[in-house]
Protein backbone atom coordinates (compact mmCIF):
# COMPACT_ATOMS: atom_id res chain seq x y z
CA MET A 1 -7.37 30.61 28.42
CA VAL A 2 -10.80 29.06 28.06
CA LYS A 3 -9.63 27.21 24.94
CA ASN A 4 -6.69 25.74 26.85
CA LYS A 5 -8.96 24.62 29.66
CA GLY A 6 -11.29 23.04 27.13
CA GLY A 7 -8.34 21.32 25.48
CA ARG A 8 -7.20 19.93 28.82
CA ARG A 9 -10.71 18.71 29.58
CA ALA A 10 -10.91 17.00 26.18
CA ASP A 11 -7.52 15.36 26.68
CA ALA A 12 -8.55 14.18 30.14
CA ARG A 13 -11.79 12.74 28.79
CA TYR A 14 -9.96 10.93 25.98
CA ALA A 15 -7.52 9.49 28.54
CA GLU A 16 -10.48 8.24 30.61
CA VAL A 17 -12.01 6.57 27.56
CA GLU A 18 -8.73 4.96 26.54
CA LYS A 19 -8.20 3.65 30.08
CA ALA A 20 -11.74 2.23 30.20
CA LEU A 21 -11.25 0.43 26.90
CA LEU A 22 -7.86 -0.97 27.85
CA GLY A 23 -9.39 -2.24 31.10
CA ARG A 24 -11.47 -4.74 29.15
CA LEU A 25 -10.32 -8.25 28.18
CA PRO A 26 -7.11 -7.87 26.08
CA GLU A 27 -7.38 -8.30 22.34
CA HIS A 28 -4.97 -11.25 22.12
CA LYS A 29 -7.53 -13.22 24.15
CA SER A 30 -10.55 -12.09 22.14
CA VAL A 31 -10.50 -15.17 19.90
CA GLN A 32 -10.92 -17.50 22.89
CA GLY A 33 -14.23 -19.30 22.72
CA ARG A 34 -14.25 -19.08 18.88
CA ASN A 35 -17.52 -17.19 18.90
CA ILE A 36 -18.40 -13.99 17.09
CA GLU A 37 -22.04 -14.00 18.12
CA ARG A 38 -21.26 -11.46 20.86
CA ILE A 39 -19.95 -8.84 18.43
CA ARG A 40 -22.70 -9.82 15.98
CA LEU A 41 -25.27 -9.03 18.69
CA LEU A 42 -23.64 -5.67 19.38
CA CYS A 43 -23.55 -4.76 15.70
CA SER A 44 -27.19 -5.81 15.30
CA THR A 45 -28.09 -3.54 18.21
CA LEU A 46 -26.27 -0.73 16.38
CA ALA A 47 -28.22 -1.43 13.14
CA ASP A 48 -25.35 -3.37 11.53
CA PRO A 49 -22.93 -0.55 10.66
CA GLN A 50 -20.47 -3.11 9.24
CA HIS A 51 -22.73 -3.39 6.18
CA ALA A 52 -22.95 0.37 5.54
CA ALA A 53 -20.12 0.33 2.97
CA PRO A 54 -18.35 -2.32 0.89
CA VAL A 55 -15.38 -3.88 2.68
CA ILE A 56 -11.82 -4.82 1.81
CA HIS A 57 -10.84 -7.33 4.50
CA LEU A 58 -7.22 -8.22 5.29
CA THR A 59 -5.67 -11.14 7.14
CA GLY A 60 -2.26 -12.84 7.27
CA THR A 61 0.65 -13.00 9.68
CA ASN A 62 2.78 -10.07 8.57
CA GLY A 63 2.22 -7.00 6.41
CA LYS A 64 -1.49 -6.49 7.08
CA THR A 65 -1.30 -2.97 8.51
CA THR A 66 1.07 -1.63 5.86
CA THR A 67 -0.93 -3.23 3.05
CA ALA A 68 -4.09 -1.67 4.52
CA ARG A 69 -2.36 1.71 4.56
CA MET A 70 -1.35 1.28 0.92
CA ILE A 71 -4.90 0.35 -0.11
CA ASP A 72 -6.17 3.38 1.80
CA SER A 73 -3.71 5.72 0.09
CA LEU A 74 -4.51 4.35 -3.36
CA LEU A 75 -8.29 4.59 -2.94
CA THR A 76 -7.95 8.09 -1.49
CA ALA A 77 -5.94 9.09 -4.57
CA PHE A 78 -8.81 7.78 -6.71
CA GLY A 79 -11.20 10.08 -4.87
CA LEU A 80 -12.93 7.64 -2.52
CA ARG A 81 -13.71 8.46 1.10
CA THR A 82 -12.11 5.69 3.11
CA GLY A 83 -12.45 4.23 6.58
CA ARG A 84 -9.60 2.10 7.89
CA LEU A 85 -9.62 -0.17 10.95
CA THR A 86 -6.20 -1.55 11.90
CA SER A 87 -4.49 -3.07 14.92
CA PRO A 88 -2.58 -2.87 17.12
CA HIS A 89 -1.86 0.80 17.73
CA LEU A 90 1.57 2.32 18.37
CA ALA A 91 0.77 5.07 20.86
CA GLU A 92 -2.97 5.78 21.11
CA VAL A 93 -6.07 3.66 20.67
CA ARG A 94 -7.61 6.17 18.29
CA GLU A 95 -4.91 5.35 15.69
CA ARG A 96 -6.90 2.20 14.94
CA ILE A 97 -9.78 4.13 13.37
CA SER A 98 -8.93 6.33 10.40
CA LEU A 99 -11.06 8.39 8.04
CA SER A 100 -9.60 9.42 4.68
CA GLY A 101 -6.18 8.28 5.80
CA GLU A 102 -6.04 10.14 9.11
CA PRO A 103 -6.77 8.84 12.63
CA VAL A 104 -9.96 10.23 14.10
CA SER A 105 -9.38 13.11 16.49
CA PRO A 106 -9.50 12.54 20.26
CA GLU A 107 -12.74 14.53 20.37
CA ARG A 108 -14.37 12.44 17.63
CA PHE A 109 -13.17 9.21 19.23
CA VAL A 110 -14.78 10.21 22.53
CA GLN A 111 -17.98 11.19 20.73
CA ILE A 112 -18.21 7.81 19.00
CA TYR A 113 -17.47 6.05 22.30
CA ASP A 114 -20.21 7.97 24.12
CA GLU A 115 -22.72 7.15 21.37
CA VAL A 116 -21.90 3.42 21.28
CA MET A 117 -21.34 2.64 24.96
CA PRO A 118 -25.03 2.52 25.99
CA TYR A 119 -25.44 -0.31 23.49
CA VAL A 120 -22.27 -2.01 24.76
CA ASP A 121 -23.64 -1.84 28.30
CA LEU A 122 -26.89 -3.36 27.09
CA VAL A 123 -25.11 -6.27 25.37
CA ASP A 124 -22.77 -6.78 28.34
CA GLN A 125 -25.87 -7.68 30.38
CA GLN A 126 -26.93 -10.32 27.85
CA VAL A 127 -23.68 -12.22 27.26
CA ASP A 128 -21.54 -14.55 29.35
CA ARG A 129 -18.84 -11.94 30.04
CA PRO A 130 -18.33 -8.26 29.18
CA LEU A 131 -17.34 -7.51 25.62
CA SER A 132 -13.57 -7.41 25.09
CA PHE A 133 -11.42 -4.41 24.19
CA PHE A 134 -11.17 -5.54 20.58
CA GLU A 135 -14.87 -6.27 20.21
CA VAL A 136 -15.76 -2.78 21.41
CA VAL A 137 -13.11 -1.02 19.28
CA THR A 138 -14.27 -2.99 16.23
CA ALA A 139 -17.81 -1.76 16.81
CA LEU A 140 -16.55 1.80 17.30
CA GLY A 141 -14.77 1.61 13.95
CA PHE A 142 -17.81 0.32 12.07
CA ALA A 143 -19.99 2.97 13.73
CA ALA A 144 -17.56 5.72 12.74
CA PHE A 145 -17.52 4.53 9.13
CA ALA A 146 -21.30 4.34 8.92
CA ASP A 147 -21.68 7.79 10.42
CA ALA A 148 -19.07 9.49 8.18
CA PRO A 149 -20.19 7.90 5.79
CA VAL A 150 -17.37 6.23 3.86
CA ASP A 151 -17.28 4.77 0.36
CA VAL A 152 -15.20 1.79 1.43
CA SER A 153 -14.13 0.20 4.72
CA ILE A 154 -10.59 -1.24 4.86
CA VAL A 155 -10.61 -3.69 7.74
CA GLU A 156 -7.66 -5.59 9.21
CA VAL A 157 -8.36 -8.64 11.35
CA GLY A 158 -7.10 -8.53 14.91
CA LEU A 159 -6.24 -12.20 15.34
CA GLY A 160 -6.83 -15.04 12.92
CA GLY A 161 -9.82 -14.58 10.67
CA GLU A 162 -12.89 -16.80 10.88
CA TRP A 163 -13.51 -16.13 14.57
CA ASP A 164 -12.14 -12.60 14.61
CA SER A 165 -14.56 -9.84 15.57
CA THR A 166 -14.08 -8.10 12.24
CA ASN A 167 -15.49 -11.12 10.41
CA VAL A 168 -19.03 -9.91 11.01
CA ALA A 169 -18.31 -7.86 7.88
CA ASP A 170 -18.46 -9.41 4.42
CA GLY A 171 -15.45 -8.43 2.37
CA LYS A 172 -15.96 -7.75 -1.32
CA VAL A 173 -12.20 -8.28 -1.51
CA ALA A 174 -10.28 -10.50 0.92
CA VAL A 175 -6.51 -9.95 1.08
CA VAL A 176 -4.35 -12.73 2.53
CA THR A 177 -0.80 -11.52 3.24
CA PRO A 178 2.00 -14.07 3.93
CA ILE A 179 1.04 -16.64 6.57
CA ALA A 180 3.58 -17.94 9.07
CA VAL A 181 3.46 -19.14 12.68
CA ASP A 182 2.39 -16.55 15.26
CA HIS A 183 -0.14 -16.72 18.12
CA ALA A 184 0.32 -20.51 17.98
CA LYS A 185 -1.55 -20.91 21.28
CA TYR A 186 -4.73 -19.65 19.66
CA LEU A 187 -4.36 -20.36 15.93
CA GLY A 188 -2.26 -23.49 15.42
CA SER A 189 1.35 -24.63 15.33
CA THR A 190 1.88 -24.82 11.54
CA PRO A 191 1.25 -22.32 8.75
CA ALA A 192 -1.29 -24.69 7.16
CA GLU A 193 -3.28 -24.97 10.41
CA ILE A 194 -3.25 -21.21 10.82
CA ALA A 195 -4.34 -20.76 7.19
CA VAL A 196 -7.60 -22.60 7.92
CA GLU A 197 -8.51 -19.90 10.46
CA LYS A 198 -7.34 -17.01 8.31
CA ALA A 199 -9.05 -18.22 5.14
CA GLY A 200 -12.35 -17.83 6.99
CA ILE A 201 -12.59 -14.19 5.89
CA ILE A 202 -13.06 -15.27 2.25
CA LYS A 203 -16.79 -14.92 1.63
CA PRO A 204 -19.08 -16.14 -1.17
CA GLY A 205 -18.57 -14.19 -4.39
CA ALA A 206 -15.54 -12.29 -3.09
CA VAL A 207 -12.19 -11.82 -4.78
CA ALA A 208 -9.34 -13.32 -2.73
CA VAL A 209 -6.04 -11.53 -3.32
CA VAL A 210 -3.37 -13.94 -2.11
CA ALA A 211 0.27 -13.10 -1.44
CA GLN A 212 3.00 -15.66 -2.10
CA GLN A 213 2.48 -18.57 0.31
CA GLU A 214 3.92 -21.95 1.19
CA VAL A 215 2.39 -24.69 -0.97
CA GLU A 216 0.35 -26.22 1.86
CA VAL A 217 -0.96 -22.79 2.85
CA ALA A 218 -1.95 -22.00 -0.73
CA LYS A 219 -3.89 -25.28 -0.91
CA VAL A 220 -5.92 -24.33 2.16
CA ILE A 221 -6.77 -20.91 0.75
CA LEU A 222 -7.69 -22.23 -2.68
CA ARG A 223 -9.90 -24.92 -1.12
CA ARG A 224 -11.76 -22.30 0.91
CA ALA A 225 -12.24 -20.11 -2.16
CA ALA A 226 -13.64 -23.04 -4.11
CA GLU A 227 -16.01 -23.98 -1.28
CA VAL A 228 -17.57 -20.51 -1.13
CA GLY A 229 -17.42 -19.64 -4.81
CA ALA A 230 -14.82 -16.88 -4.52
CA SER A 231 -12.40 -16.01 -7.32
CA VAL A 232 -8.67 -15.93 -6.61
CA ALA A 233 -5.81 -13.65 -7.70
CA ARG A 234 -2.39 -15.07 -6.79
CA GLU A 235 0.87 -13.20 -6.44
CA GLY A 236 3.38 -14.56 -8.92
CA LEU A 237 0.64 -15.58 -11.36
CA GLU A 238 -2.11 -12.99 -11.81
CA PHE A 239 -0.08 -10.14 -10.28
CA GLY A 240 3.31 -9.45 -8.77
CA VAL A 241 6.54 -7.46 -8.55
CA LEU A 242 8.33 -7.22 -11.90
CA SER A 243 11.31 -5.16 -10.76
CA ARG A 244 12.62 -3.09 -7.89
CA GLU A 245 15.65 -0.94 -7.23
CA LEU A 246 16.79 1.20 -4.33
CA ALA A 247 15.89 4.88 -4.29
CA VAL A 248 16.40 7.71 -1.84
CA ASP A 249 14.37 6.90 1.30
CA GLY A 250 12.61 4.05 -0.43
CA GLN A 251 12.52 2.07 -3.67
CA LEU A 252 11.42 2.29 -7.29
CA ILE A 253 9.22 -0.60 -8.38
CA THR A 254 7.36 -1.94 -11.40
CA LEU A 255 4.22 -3.91 -10.64
CA LYS A 256 2.12 -6.26 -12.72
CA GLY A 257 -1.46 -5.71 -11.70
CA LEU A 258 -4.63 -7.56 -12.59
CA THR A 259 -5.40 -5.11 -15.40
CA GLY A 260 -2.04 -3.70 -16.45
CA VAL A 261 1.63 -3.05 -15.78
CA TYR A 262 2.57 -0.01 -13.71
CA GLU A 263 6.12 1.33 -14.05
CA ASP A 264 8.25 3.85 -12.15
CA ILE A 265 6.33 3.67 -8.89
CA TYR A 266 8.16 5.36 -6.03
CA LEU A 267 7.46 3.62 -2.74
CA PRO A 268 8.81 5.51 0.30
CA LEU A 269 9.30 2.33 2.35
CA HIS A 270 12.28 0.02 2.76
CA GLY A 271 12.53 -3.71 2.10
CA ALA A 272 11.59 -6.24 -0.56
CA HIS A 273 8.62 -7.27 1.60
CA GLN A 274 7.12 -3.82 1.16
CA ALA A 275 7.25 -4.15 -2.62
CA HIS A 276 5.30 -7.40 -2.30
CA ASN A 277 2.82 -5.68 0.04
CA ALA A 278 2.43 -3.01 -2.65
CA ALA A 279 1.64 -5.65 -5.27
CA CYS A 280 -1.11 -7.08 -3.05
CA ALA A 281 -2.49 -3.62 -2.35
CA LEU A 282 -2.61 -2.75 -6.03
CA ALA A 283 -4.36 -6.01 -6.92
CA ALA A 284 -6.89 -5.44 -4.13
CA VAL A 285 -7.68 -1.96 -5.42
CA GLU A 286 -7.98 -3.21 -8.99
CA ALA A 287 -10.36 -5.95 -7.83
CA PHE A 288 -12.40 -3.47 -5.80
CA LEU A 289 -12.66 -0.93 -8.64
CA ALA A 290 -13.13 -3.55 -11.37
CA GLY A 291 -16.65 -2.40 -12.19
CA GLY A 292 -15.39 1.11 -12.90
CA THR A 293 -12.17 0.42 -14.78
CA ASP A 294 -11.23 -0.34 -18.35
CA GLU A 295 -9.69 -3.80 -18.03
CA GLU A 296 -7.77 -3.27 -21.25
CA LYS A 297 -6.05 -0.16 -19.93
CA GLY A 298 -6.11 -0.77 -16.20
CA LEU A 299 -6.03 1.99 -13.61
CA ASP A 300 -4.68 5.47 -14.24
CA ALA A 301 -0.93 4.95 -13.71
CA ASP A 302 -0.35 8.52 -12.55
CA VAL A 303 -2.97 8.15 -9.82
CA VAL A 304 -1.42 4.82 -8.78
CA ARG A 305 1.98 6.53 -8.51
CA GLU A 306 0.44 9.35 -6.46
CA GLY A 307 -1.20 6.88 -4.11
CA PHE A 308 1.96 4.90 -3.45
CA ALA A 309 4.12 8.03 -3.10
CA ASN A 310 1.88 9.18 -0.25
CA VAL A 311 2.10 5.93 1.75
CA ARG A 312 3.46 6.14 5.28
CA SER A 313 3.79 3.21 7.68
CA PRO A 314 5.00 4.28 11.15
CA GLY A 315 7.09 1.72 12.99
CA ARG A 316 8.01 -0.24 9.87
CA LEU A 317 11.73 0.37 9.18
CA GLU A 318 10.99 3.97 10.11
CA VAL A 319 13.88 6.37 10.70
CA VAL A 320 13.15 8.48 13.80
CA ARG A 321 16.56 9.96 14.52
CA THR A 322 19.93 10.62 12.86
CA SER A 323 23.53 10.87 14.15
CA PRO A 324 23.40 8.02 14.84
CA THR A 325 20.43 6.79 12.86
CA VAL A 326 17.72 5.08 14.91
CA VAL A 327 15.28 2.85 13.04
CA LEU A 328 12.04 1.35 14.38
CA ASP A 329 10.55 -1.90 13.15
CA ALA A 330 7.65 -3.77 14.74
CA ALA A 331 8.80 -7.29 13.78
CA HIS A 332 7.66 -9.72 16.48
CA ASN A 333 7.87 -13.18 14.90
CA PRO A 334 10.64 -14.98 12.98
CA HIS A 335 9.07 -14.35 9.57
CA GLY A 336 8.78 -10.63 10.24
CA ALA A 337 12.24 -10.45 11.81
CA ALA A 338 13.82 -12.08 8.75
CA ALA A 339 12.14 -9.51 6.48
CA SER A 340 13.25 -6.68 8.78
CA ALA A 341 16.85 -7.93 8.86
CA GLU A 342 16.94 -8.19 5.09
CA GLY A 343 15.37 -4.76 4.66
CA VAL A 344 17.65 -2.90 7.05
CA THR A 345 20.73 -4.56 5.53
CA GLU A 346 19.66 -3.59 2.02
CA ALA A 347 18.62 -0.01 2.78
CA PHE A 348 21.37 1.05 5.21
CA THR A 349 25.13 0.58 5.63
CA PHE A 350 25.31 0.60 9.42
CA ASP A 351 28.53 -0.60 10.96
CA PRO A 352 28.05 -1.42 13.74
CA LEU A 353 24.31 -2.02 14.01
CA ILE A 354 23.06 -2.24 17.60
CA GLY A 355 19.75 -3.90 18.37
CA VAL A 356 17.36 -2.82 21.11
CA VAL A 357 14.92 -5.67 21.60
CA GLY A 358 11.87 -6.00 23.87
CA MET A 359 9.47 -8.92 23.34
CA MET A 360 6.34 -10.55 24.70
CA ARG A 361 6.50 -13.75 26.73
CA ASP A 362 4.28 -15.67 24.34
CA LYS A 363 6.37 -15.13 21.21
CA ASP A 364 9.03 -17.29 19.51
CA VAL A 365 11.84 -15.33 21.15
CA GLU A 366 14.67 -17.58 20.05
CA GLY A 367 13.40 -17.56 16.47
CA VAL A 368 13.28 -13.76 16.36
CA LEU A 369 16.72 -13.36 17.94
CA SER A 370 18.22 -15.91 15.54
CA ALA A 371 16.91 -13.88 12.58
CA PHE A 372 18.65 -10.77 13.88
CA GLU A 373 21.87 -12.41 15.06
CA PRO A 374 23.77 -12.07 11.74
CA ILE A 375 23.19 -8.30 11.55
CA PHE A 376 23.50 -7.13 15.18
CA ALA A 377 26.99 -6.37 16.44
CA ARG A 378 25.46 -6.18 19.92
CA ILE A 379 21.99 -6.56 21.41
CA VAL A 380 20.50 -4.54 24.27
CA CYS A 381 17.74 -6.54 25.93
CA THR A 382 14.94 -4.46 27.44
CA GLN A 383 11.19 -4.64 28.08
CA ASN A 384 8.07 -2.61 27.44
CA SER A 385 5.53 -1.53 30.03
CA THR A 386 2.90 -4.25 29.56
CA MET A 387 2.22 -7.25 31.78
CA ARG A 388 2.83 -9.53 28.77
CA ALA A 389 6.39 -8.28 28.35
CA MET A 390 9.22 -10.74 28.89
CA PRO A 391 11.52 -9.37 31.62
CA ALA A 392 14.78 -8.06 30.22
CA ALA A 393 16.82 -10.55 32.27
CA GLU A 394 14.89 -13.52 30.83
CA LEU A 395 15.27 -12.16 27.31
CA ALA A 396 19.00 -11.66 27.91
CA ALA A 397 19.38 -15.27 29.04
CA ILE A 398 17.95 -16.48 25.72
CA ALA A 399 19.94 -13.87 23.80
CA THR A 400 23.17 -15.11 25.40
CA GLU A 401 22.55 -18.55 23.91
CA VAL A 402 22.09 -16.98 20.47
CA PHE A 403 24.63 -14.14 20.48
CA GLY A 404 27.17 -15.16 23.10
CA GLU A 405 27.68 -13.39 26.41
CA ASP A 406 30.03 -10.68 25.08
CA ARG A 407 27.40 -9.27 22.69
CA VAL A 408 24.49 -9.03 25.15
CA GLU A 409 23.54 -6.14 27.44
CA THR A 410 20.61 -6.08 29.86
CA VAL A 411 18.91 -2.70 30.39
CA PRO A 412 15.31 -3.06 31.68
CA ARG A 413 14.20 0.58 31.18
CA LEU A 414 13.49 1.27 27.53
CA ASP A 415 14.77 4.86 27.60
CA ASP A 416 18.03 3.76 29.19
CA ALA A 417 18.29 0.89 26.69
CA ILE A 418 18.01 3.33 23.79
CA ASP A 419 20.69 5.58 25.32
CA THR A 420 22.96 2.57 25.78
CA ALA A 421 22.50 1.45 22.19
CA VAL A 422 23.13 4.96 20.86
CA ARG A 423 26.36 5.09 22.83
CA PHE A 424 27.50 1.75 21.41
CA ALA A 425 26.62 2.90 17.88
CA ASP A 426 28.61 6.11 18.37
CA GLU A 427 31.62 4.14 19.56
CA GLY A 428 32.09 2.39 16.22
CA SER A 429 35.59 3.00 14.95
CA PRO A 430 36.02 5.34 11.94
CA GLU A 431 37.15 2.47 9.73
CA LEU A 432 33.95 0.57 10.52
CA GLY A 433 31.74 3.40 9.31
CA MET A 434 28.54 4.94 10.70
CA GLY A 435 26.75 3.05 13.44
CA GLY A 436 23.00 2.64 13.73
CA VAL A 437 20.33 1.37 16.11
CA LEU A 438 17.35 -0.87 15.32
CA ILE A 439 14.57 -0.99 17.95
CA THR A 440 12.36 -4.03 17.44
CA GLY A 441 10.74 -7.17 18.90
CA SER A 442 7.20 -5.93 19.60
CA VAL A 443 4.68 -3.42 18.31
CA ILE A 444 4.31 -2.09 21.85
CA THR A 445 8.08 -1.75 22.34
CA VAL A 446 8.33 0.15 19.07
CA GLY A 447 5.31 2.31 19.94
CA GLU A 448 6.75 3.28 23.32
CA ALA A 449 10.15 3.99 21.73
CA ARG A 450 8.45 6.14 19.10
CA VAL A 451 6.78 8.24 21.78
CA LEU A 452 10.12 8.63 23.56
CA LEU A 453 11.91 9.71 20.39
CA LYS A 454 9.20 11.58 18.45
CA GLY A 455 6.44 12.39 20.93
CA ARG A 456 2.79 11.55 20.30
């Protein structure tokens, strides 16, 4: 009885902390002002926890979180104690801060918050406006890693790179996943413009692990590396995917790393884009461990296989229900939507496939819908619970231009939208085969759907 009461008190306290954090300036606005001196001041007040362990820093438009998870799993398999800071979260803020591959507990999250907040309050009084949600969470993550302590911090930028709060850290390895247009209001309207901001995480003496990029983007990254004296490893040249084939609940891949070739790697994730994320993750780990590896032999292949086999990436072509199958994918820009559409088509044989889509107002809605149009038999337009969400009716108006009126349904409540899509999937005629549902369009939409279908 006492334990239950204590558990309820702890849950209530965690809810209070989460609410207080979310009440601060939203993270998508954190880059405004292009100034990281505020977070630098906070970290200095905390004795610079961002320098307590070497850092692998990740930026890019798509694939950052999954690549970070892969790096985490690989380094854990090699016996290192890891800290991982990723964003955004699917269901709970504490998911952003992981130790040895697992999110910190609610109790530990509250403890870190209580330890750091007096310093946040102090800095709030010295700066032009209170620290943002993302600035505070970034500091919480660094503090947690320093306190653990960890052997390596795996840090994903929140938005951009050079002016992102995480860039107070100096990455020994900087990973640049594919760059496309997203957050154009803050970062630029072309991939090359955005690359200037993202390349800012490449620090002097670092190793930049660069995914396949458009030519103009690659030029920007290479120029930055040359300016700061960083070395560069490029996908398709120094490392890459040699082969891939479908496997049960995933794929079997062969990767060329920086120090060797690794065969028969089982990756329990769907889509060609995940194989490319795996190549970047492997190269990053090789670069990070270079001082302790035999470059002639490379890493222990069995440990590499173990690390990849243990990778999980919630909300990325994740199956959360069967009969009919419901898949979640957090694609929220055209580049990500195209990869999702290709991945779901390759991995599944849904007929019909029904889409449940909820997006943010500030996204390229038409571009995302156009990427999904060839694979959706019907689209159910809905919305998530945030103020940034595009109302379902507005989304449906755009969807009608892309899909035609007969293929569009408008269901504002997400739970009702999922039920509607499941019903449509079940109604597929026997000769068409087994129907499926893909819920997509926003990380928040996918996170809320995941809670509805799987619980927290």
